[in-house]
PDB file of all heavy atoms in Angstrom:
ATOM      1  N   GLU A   1      95.040  96.885  82.443  1.00  0.00           N
ATOM      2  CA  GLU A   1      95.737  97.791  81.522  1.00  0.00           C
ATOM      3  C   GLU A   1      95.409  99.270  81.786  1.00  0.00           C
ATOM      4  O   GLU A   1      95.714 100.112  80.956  1.00  0.00           O
ATOM      5  CB  GLU A   1      95.387  97.429  80.078  1.00  0.00           C
ATOM      6  CG  GLU A   1      95.720  95.991  79.712  1.00  0.00           C
ATOM      7  CD  GLU A   1      97.194  95.665  79.863  1.00  0.00           C
ATOM      8  OE1 GLU A   1      98.038  96.503  79.509  1.00  0.00           O
ATOM      9  OE2 GLU A   1      97.498  94.560  80.355  1.00  0.00           O
ATOM     10  N   LEU A   2      94.834  99.570  82.905  1.00  0.00           N
ATOM     11  CA  LEU A   2      94.367 100.924  83.187  1.00  0.00           C
ATOM     12  C   LEU A   2      95.513 101.926  83.333  1.00  0.00           C
ATOM     13  O   LEU A   2      95.451 103.030  82.810  1.00  0.00           O
ATOM     14  CB  LEU A   2      93.503 100.939  84.445  1.00  0.00           C
ATOM     15  CG  LEU A   2      92.853 102.255  84.809  1.00  0.00           C
ATOM     16  CD1 LEU A   2      91.797 102.627  83.759  1.00  0.00           C
ATOM     17  CD2 LEU A   2      92.217 102.170  86.183  1.00  0.00           C
ATOM     18  N   VAL A   3      96.562 101.551  84.058  1.00  0.00           N
ATOM     19  CA  VAL A   3      97.671 102.478  84.322  1.00  0.00           C
ATOM     20  C   VAL A   3      99.011 101.795  84.098  1.00  0.00           C
ATOM     21  O   VAL A   3      99.111 100.571  84.121  1.00  0.00           O
ATOM     22  CB  VAL A   3      97.609 103.042  85.770  1.00  0.00           C
ATOM     23  CG1 VAL A   3      96.360 103.868  85.978  1.00  0.00           C
ATOM     24  CG2 VAL A   3      97.704 101.945  86.802  1.00  0.00           C
ATOM     25  N   GLU A   4     100.032 102.612  83.880  1.00  0.00           N
ATOM     26  CA  GLU A   4     101.377 102.101  83.674  1.00  0.00           C
ATOM     27  C   GLU A   4     102.228 102.141  84.938  1.00  0.00           C
ATOM     28  O   GLU A   4     103.386 101.730  84.918  1.00  0.00           O
ATOM     29  CB  GLU A   4     102.080 102.894  82.562  1.00  0.00           C
ATOM     30  CG  GLU A   4     101.645 102.504  81.163  1.00  0.00           C
ATOM     31  CD  GLU A   4     100.275 103.046  80.771  1.00  0.00           C
ATOM     32  OE1 GLU A   4      99.866 104.124  81.246  1.00  0.00           O
ATOM     33  OE2 GLU A   4      99.600 102.366  79.982  1.00  0.00           O
ATOM     34  N   GLY A   5     101.685 102.621  86.031  1.00  0.00           N
ATOM     35  CA  GLY A   5     102.431 102.650  87.281  1.00  0.00           C
ATOM     36  C   GLY A   5     101.574 103.151  88.424  1.00  0.00           C
ATOM     37  O   GLY A   5     100.631 103.917  88.217  1.00  0.00           O
ATOM     38  N   LEU A   6     101.909 102.704  89.628  1.00  0.00           N
ATOM     39  CA  LEU A   6     101.216 103.113  90.851  1.00  0.00           C
ATOM     40  C   LEU A   6     102.208 103.688  91.856  1.00  0.00           C
ATOM     41  O   LEU A   6     103.298 103.137  92.042  1.00  0.00           O
ATOM     42  CB  LEU A   6     100.532 101.915  91.516  1.00  0.00           C
ATOM     43  CG  LEU A   6      99.256 101.399  90.895  1.00  0.00           C
ATOM     44  CD1 LEU A   6      98.871 100.063  91.527  1.00  0.00           C
ATOM     45  CD2 LEU A   6      98.136 102.400  91.085  1.00  0.00           C
ATOM     46  N   LEU A   7     101.807 104.767  92.511  1.00  0.00           N
ATOM     47  CA  LEU A   7     102.591 105.381  93.572  1.00  0.00           C
ATOM     48  C   LEU A   7     101.738 105.367  94.830  1.00  0.00           C
ATOM     49  O   LEU A   7     100.723 106.064  94.909  1.00  0.00           O
ATOM     50  CB  LEU A   7     102.974 106.817  93.207  1.00  0.00           C
ATOM     51  CG  LEU A   7     103.695 107.623  94.275  1.00  0.00           C
ATOM     52  CD1 LEU A   7     104.989 106.937  94.702  1.00  0.00           C
ATOM     53  CD2 LEU A   7     103.969 109.035  93.766  1.00  0.00           C
ATOM     54  N   LEU A   8     102.130 104.541  95.793  1.00  0.00           N
ATOM     55  CA  LEU A   8     101.352 104.364  97.020  1.00  0.00           C
ATOM     56  C   LEU A   8     102.119 104.947  98.200  1.00  0.00           C
ATOM     57  O   LEU A   8     103.137 104.416  98.625  1.00  0.00           O
ATOM     58  CB  LEU A   8     101.058 102.876  97.241  1.00  0.00           C
ATOM     59  CG  LEU A   8     100.380 102.167  96.059  1.00  0.00           C
ATOM     60  CD1 LEU A   8     100.167 100.692  96.376  1.00  0.00           C
ATOM     61  CD2 LEU A   8      99.075 102.851  95.686  1.00  0.00           C
ATOM     62  N   LEU A   9     101.617 106.058  98.705  1.00  0.00           N
ATOM     63  CA  LEU A   9     102.238 106.766  99.820  1.00  0.00           C
ATOM     64  C   LEU A   9     101.525 106.389 101.113  1.00  0.00           C
ATOM     65  O   LEU A   9     100.311 106.574 101.230  1.00  0.00           O
ATOM     66  CB  LEU A   9     102.151 108.279  99.596  1.00  0.00           C
ATOM     67  CG  LEU A   9     102.699 108.797  98.268  1.00  0.00           C
ATOM     68  CD1 LEU A   9     102.321 110.250  98.075  1.00  0.00           C
ATOM     69  CD2 LEU A   9     104.191 108.602  98.196  1.00  0.00           C
ATOM     70  N   SER A  10     102.253 105.848 102.066  1.00  0.00           N
ATOM     71  CA  SER A  10     101.679 105.448 103.361  1.00  0.00           C
ATOM     72  C   SER A  10     100.487 104.526 103.177  1.00  0.00           C
ATOM     73  O   SER A  10      99.400 104.761 103.713  1.00  0.00           O
ATOM     74  CB  SER A  10     101.274 106.677 104.184  1.00  0.00           C
ATOM     75  OG  SER A  10     102.381 107.486 104.456  1.00  0.00           O
ATOM     76  N   TYR A  11     100.679 103.455 102.409  1.00  0.00           N
ATOM     77  CA  TYR A  11      99.594 102.503 102.165  1.00  0.00           C
ATOM     78  C   TYR A  11      99.071 101.980 103.498  1.00  0.00           C
ATOM     79  O   TYR A  11      99.850 101.487 104.325  1.00  0.00           O
ATOM     80  CB  TYR A  11     100.078 101.337 101.294  1.00  0.00           C
ATOM     81  CG  TYR A  11      98.964 100.402 100.928  1.00  0.00           C
ATOM     82  CD1 TYR A  11      98.144 100.677  99.848  1.00  0.00           C
ATOM     83  CD2 TYR A  11      98.699  99.271 101.692  1.00  0.00           C
ATOM     84  CE1 TYR A  11      97.094  99.836  99.515  1.00  0.00           C
ATOM     85  CE2 TYR A  11      97.655  98.425 101.371  1.00  0.00           C
ATOM     86  CZ  TYR A  11      96.856  98.710 100.290  1.00  0.00           C
ATOM     87  OH  TYR A  11      95.805  97.886  99.968  1.00  0.00           O
ATOM     88  N   PRO A  12      97.752 102.045 103.741  1.00  0.00           N
ATOM     89  CA  PRO A  12      97.188 101.573 105.009  1.00  0.00           C
ATOM     90  C   PRO A  12      97.000 100.056 104.986  1.00  0.00           C
ATOM     91  O   PRO A  12      95.917  99.540 104.720  1.00  0.00           O
ATOM     92  CB  PRO A  12      95.849 102.313 105.083  1.00  0.00           C
ATOM     93  CG  PRO A  12      95.440 102.465 103.640  1.00  0.00           C
ATOM     94  CD  PRO A  12      96.733 102.641 102.879  1.00  0.00           C
ATOM     95  N   LEU A  13      98.059  99.339 105.262  1.00  0.00           N
ATOM     96  CA  LEU A  13      98.065  97.888 105.159  1.00  0.00           C
ATOM     97  C   LEU A  13      97.065  97.225 106.105  1.00  0.00           C
ATOM     98  O   LEU A  13      96.450  96.218 105.764  1.00  0.00           O
ATOM     99  CB  LEU A  13      99.476  97.378 105.432  1.00  0.00           C
ATOM    100  CG  LEU A  13      99.758  95.931 105.106  1.00  0.00           C
ATOM    101  CD1 LEU A  13      99.470  95.630 103.645  1.00  0.00           C
ATOM    102  CD2 LEU A  13     101.198  95.606 105.434  1.00  0.00           C
ATOM    103  N   HIS A  14      96.905  97.800 107.271  1.00  0.00           N
ATOM    104  CA  HIS A  14      95.922  97.312 108.248  1.00  0.00           C
ATOM    105  C   HIS A  14      95.589  98.464 109.188  1.00  0.00           C
ATOM    106  O   HIS A  14      96.344  99.435 109.284  1.00  0.00           O
ATOM    107  CB  HIS A  14      96.464  96.106 109.034  1.00  0.00           C
ATOM    108  CG  HIS A  14      97.733  96.374 109.773  1.00  0.00           C
ATOM    109  ND1 HIS A  14      97.810  97.189 110.886  1.00  0.00           N
ATOM    110  CD2 HIS A  14      98.999  95.933 109.548  1.00  0.00           C
ATOM    111  CE1 HIS A  14      99.053  97.230 111.318  1.00  0.00           C
ATOM    112  NE2 HIS A  14      99.800  96.487 110.514  1.00  0.00           N
ATOM    113  N   PRO A  15      94.450  98.381 109.880  1.00  0.00           N
ATOM    114  CA  PRO A  15      94.150  99.427 110.870  1.00  0.00           C
ATOM    115  C   PRO A  15      95.202  99.402 111.986  1.00  0.00           C
ATOM    116  O   PRO A  15      95.726  98.332 112.319  1.00  0.00           O
ATOM    117  CB  PRO A  15      92.774  99.025 111.424  1.00  0.00           C
ATOM    118  CG  PRO A  15      92.187  98.117 110.395  1.00  0.00           C
ATOM    119  CD  PRO A  15      93.356  97.404 109.763  1.00  0.00           C
ATOM    120  N   PRO A  16      95.528 100.554 112.563  1.00  0.00           N
ATOM    121  CA  PRO A  16      96.501 100.582 113.658  1.00  0.00           C
ATOM    122  C   PRO A  16      96.122  99.609 114.775  1.00  0.00           C
ATOM    123  O   PRO A  16      94.963  99.550 115.199  1.00  0.00           O
ATOM    124  CB  PRO A  16      96.455 102.026 114.150  1.00  0.00           C
ATOM    125  CG  PRO A  16      96.036 102.800 112.941  1.00  0.00           C
ATOM    126  CD  PRO A  16      95.047 101.900 112.235  1.00  0.00           C
ATOM    127  N   GLY A  17      97.085  98.819 115.213  1.00  0.00           N
ATOM    128  CA  GLY A  17      96.866  97.875 116.297  1.00  0.00           C
ATOM    129  C   GLY A  17      96.135  96.607 115.889  1.00  0.00           C
ATOM    130  O   GLY A  17      95.859  95.755 116.733  1.00  0.00           O
ATOM    131  N   ARG A  18      95.818  96.451 114.609  1.00  0.00           N
ATOM    132  CA  ARG A  18      95.089  95.254 114.147  1.00  0.00           C
ATOM    133  C   ARG A  18      95.805  94.625 112.944  1.00  0.00           C
ATOM    134  O   ARG A  18      95.269  94.579 111.835  1.00  0.00           O
ATOM    135  CB  ARG A  18      93.648  95.632 113.795  1.00  0.00           C
ATOM    136  CG  ARG A  18      92.896  96.090 115.030  1.00  0.00           C
ATOM    137  CD  ARG A  18      91.458  96.469 114.861  1.00  0.00           C
ATOM    138  NE  ARG A  18      90.777  96.111 113.655  1.00  0.00           N
ATOM    139  CZ  ARG A  18      89.846  96.884 113.071  1.00  0.00           C
ATOM    140  NH1 ARG A  18      89.529  98.047 113.596  1.00  0.00           N
ATOM    141  NH2 ARG A  18      89.241  96.491 111.981  1.00  0.00           N
ATOM    142  N   PRO A  19      97.013  94.119 113.147  1.00  0.00           N
ATOM    143  CA  PRO A  19      97.804  93.595 112.032  1.00  0.00           C
ATOM    144  C   PRO A  19      97.191  92.381 111.333  1.00  0.00           C
ATOM    145  O   PRO A  19      97.583  92.054 110.217  1.00  0.00           O
ATOM    146  CB  PRO A  19      99.150  93.252 112.666  1.00  0.00           C
ATOM    147  CG  PRO A  19      98.865  93.096 114.110  1.00  0.00           C
ATOM    148  CD  PRO A  19      97.715  94.011 114.423  1.00  0.00           C
ATOM    149  N   ALA A  20      96.242  91.720 111.950  1.00  0.00           N
ATOM    150  CA  ALA A  20      95.600  90.563 111.310  1.00  0.00           C
ATOM    151  C   ALA A  20      94.577  90.981 110.255  1.00  0.00           C
ATOM    152  O   ALA A  20      94.184  90.168 109.416  1.00  0.00           O
ATOM    153  CB  ALA A  20      94.930  89.691 112.366  1.00  0.00           C
ATOM    154  N   ASP A  21      94.146  92.241 110.281  1.00  0.00           N
ATOM    155  CA  ASP A  21      93.124  92.735 109.343  1.00  0.00           C
ATOM    156  C   ASP A  21      93.785  93.331 108.100  1.00  0.00           C
ATOM    157  O   ASP A  21      93.645  94.520 107.805  1.00  0.00           O
ATOM    158  CB  ASP A  21      92.238  93.786 110.022  1.00  0.00           C
ATOM    159  CG  ASP A  21      91.415  93.215 111.157  1.00  0.00           C
ATOM    160  OD1 ASP A  21      91.208  91.988 111.185  1.00  0.00           O
ATOM    161  OD2 ASP A  21      90.989  94.004 112.008  1.00  0.00           O
ATOM    162  N   LEU A  22      94.502  92.485 107.362  1.00  0.00           N
ATOM    163  CA  LEU A  22      95.253  92.953 106.205  1.00  0.00           C
ATOM    164  C   LEU A  22      94.346  93.362 105.046  1.00  0.00           C
ATOM    165  O   LEU A  22      93.313  92.740 104.805  1.00  0.00           O
ATOM    166  CB  LEU A  22      96.230  91.872 105.738  1.00  0.00           C
ATOM    167  CG  LEU A  22      97.380  91.590 106.688  1.00  0.00           C
ATOM    168  CD1 LEU A  22      98.200  90.410 106.189  1.00  0.00           C
ATOM    169  CD2 LEU A  22      98.261  92.818 106.842  1.00  0.00           C
ATOM    170  N   ARG A  23      94.779  94.393 104.353  1.00  0.00           N
ATOM    171  CA  ARG A  23      94.071  94.906 103.178  1.00  0.00           C
ATOM    172  C   ARG A  23      94.894  94.569 101.933  1.00  0.00           C
ATOM    173  O   ARG A  23      95.374  95.454 101.230  1.00  0.00           O
ATOM    174  CB  ARG A  23      93.882  96.408 103.322  1.00  0.00           C
ATOM    175  CG  ARG A  23      93.042  96.774 104.543  1.00  0.00           C
ATOM    176  CD  ARG A  23      93.170  98.230 104.861  1.00  0.00           C
ATOM    177  NE  ARG A  23      92.258  98.612 105.938  1.00  0.00           N
ATOM    178  CZ  ARG A  23      92.434  99.672 106.688  1.00  0.00           C
ATOM    179  NH1 ARG A  23      93.474 100.463 106.506  1.00  0.00           N
ATOM    180  NH2 ARG A  23      91.563  99.964 107.626  1.00  0.00           N
ATOM    181  N   THR A  24      95.047  93.283 101.696  1.00  0.00           N
ATOM    182  CA  THR A  24      95.943  92.828 100.634  1.00  0.00           C
ATOM    183  C   THR A  24      95.275  91.932  99.593  1.00  0.00           C
ATOM    184  O   THR A  24      95.944  91.507  98.650  1.00  0.00           O
ATOM    185  CB  THR A  24      97.124  92.054 101.235  1.00  0.00           C
ATOM    186  OG1 THR A  24      96.611  90.934 101.985  1.00  0.00           O
ATOM    187  CG2 THR A  24      97.970  92.926 102.142  1.00  0.00           C
ATOM    188  N   ALA A  25      94.009  91.625  99.724  1.00  0.00           N
ATOM    189  CA  ALA A  25      93.360  90.644  98.845  1.00  0.00           C
ATOM    190  C   ALA A  25      93.520  90.982  97.366  1.00  0.00           C
ATOM    191  O   ALA A  25      93.667  90.087  96.532  1.00  0.00           O
ATOM    192  CB  ALA A  25      91.888  90.509  99.206  1.00  0.00           C
ATOM    193  N   HIS A  26      93.522  92.256  97.034  1.00  0.00           N
ATOM    194  CA  HIS A  26      93.593  92.656  95.624  1.00  0.00           C
ATOM    195  C   HIS A  26      95.024  92.753  95.087  1.00  0.00           C
ATOM    196  O   HIS A  26      95.225  92.824  93.879  1.00  0.00           O
ATOM    197  CB  HIS A  26      92.890  94.000  95.434  1.00  0.00           C
ATOM    198  CG  HIS A  26      93.593  95.139  96.102  1.00  0.00           C
ATOM    199  ND1 HIS A  26      93.597  95.315  97.473  1.00  0.00           N
ATOM    200  CD2 HIS A  26      94.353  96.145  95.596  1.00  0.00           C
ATOM    201  CE1 HIS A  26      94.313  96.384  97.779  1.00  0.00           C
ATOM    202  NE2 HIS A  26      94.785  96.909  96.660  1.00  0.00           N
ATOM    203  N   LEU A  27      96.009  92.760  95.936  1.00  0.00           N
ATOM    204  CA  LEU A  27      97.388  92.991  95.494  1.00  0.00           C
ATOM    205  C   LEU A  27      97.896  91.975  94.462  1.00  0.00           C
ATOM    206  O   LEU A  27      98.601  92.369  93.529  1.00  0.00           O
ATOM    207  CB  LEU A  27      98.337  93.074  96.694  1.00  0.00           C
ATOM    208  CG  LEU A  27      98.109  94.244  97.656  1.00  0.00           C
ATOM    209  CD1 LEU A  27      99.163  94.234  98.766  1.00  0.00           C
ATOM    210  CD2 LEU A  27      98.077  95.573  96.939  1.00  0.00           C
ATOM    211  N   PRO A  28      97.547  90.688  94.549  1.00  0.00           N
ATOM    212  CA  PRO A  28      98.027  89.752  93.525  1.00  0.00           C
ATOM    213  C   PRO A  28      97.503  90.042  92.110  1.00  0.00           C
ATOM    214  O   PRO A  28      98.027  89.497  91.138  1.00  0.00           O
ATOM    215  CB  PRO A  28      97.520  88.387  94.022  1.00  0.00           C
ATOM    216  CG  PRO A  28      97.384  88.554  95.493  1.00  0.00           C
ATOM    217  CD  PRO A  28      96.919  89.984  95.672  1.00  0.00           C
ATOM    218  N   LYS A  29      96.514  90.898  92.000  1.00  0.00           N
ATOM    219  CA  LYS A  29      95.955  91.243  90.686  1.00  0.00           C
ATOM    220  C   LYS A  29      96.622  92.471  90.061  1.00  0.00           C
ATOM    221  O   LYS A  29      96.292  92.844  88.945  1.00  0.00           O
ATOM    222  CB  LYS A  29      94.449  91.486  90.807  1.00  0.00           C
ATOM    223  CG  LYS A  29      93.686  90.252  91.239  1.00  0.00           C
ATOM    224  CD  LYS A  29      92.223  90.560  91.415  1.00  0.00           C
ATOM    225  CE  LYS A  29      91.500  89.361  92.002  1.00  0.00           C
ATOM    226  NZ  LYS A  29      90.155  89.702  92.418  1.00  0.00           N
ATOM    227  N   LEU A  30      97.546  93.095  90.767  1.00  0.00           N
ATOM    228  CA  LEU A  30      98.211  94.286  90.225  1.00  0.00           C
ATOM    229  C   LEU A  30      99.215  93.886  89.149  1.00  0.00           C
ATOM    230  O   LEU A  30     100.026  92.988  89.355  1.00  0.00           O
ATOM    231  CB  LEU A  30      98.927  95.067  91.329  1.00  0.00           C
ATOM    232  CG  LEU A  30      98.039  95.804  92.315  1.00  0.00           C
ATOM    233  CD1 LEU A  30      98.884  96.456  93.408  1.00  0.00           C
ATOM    234  CD2 LEU A  30      97.195  96.844  91.609  1.00  0.00           C
ATOM    235  N   THR A  31      99.159  94.578  88.023  1.00  0.00           N
ATOM    236  CA  THR A  31     100.099  94.308  86.934  1.00  0.00           C
ATOM    237  C   THR A  31     101.009  95.495  86.659  1.00  0.00           C
ATOM    238  O   THR A  31     101.972  95.362  85.914  1.00  0.00           O
ATOM    239  CB  THR A  31      99.339  93.946  85.645  1.00  0.00           C
ATOM    240  OG1 THR A  31      98.481  95.032  85.291  1.00  0.00           O
ATOM    241  CG2 THR A  31      98.523  92.671  85.833  1.00  0.00           C
ATOM    242  N   ALA A  32     100.713  96.637  87.223  1.00  0.00           N
ATOM    243  CA  ALA A  32     101.519  97.843  86.996  1.00  0.00           C
ATOM    244  C   ALA A  32     102.677  97.901  87.990  1.00  0.00           C
ATOM    245  O   ALA A  32     102.535  97.507  89.154  1.00  0.00           O
ATOM    246  CB  ALA A  32     100.653  99.091  87.157  1.00  0.00           C
TER     247      ALA A  32
END
């Protein structure tokens, strides 16, 4: 309940050239 919306500009989904190293573990917990 912390925020009512998120604005993510150029989200760094993974390091360049390393698409297997995803930074997504927390995304299913987003409610905003």
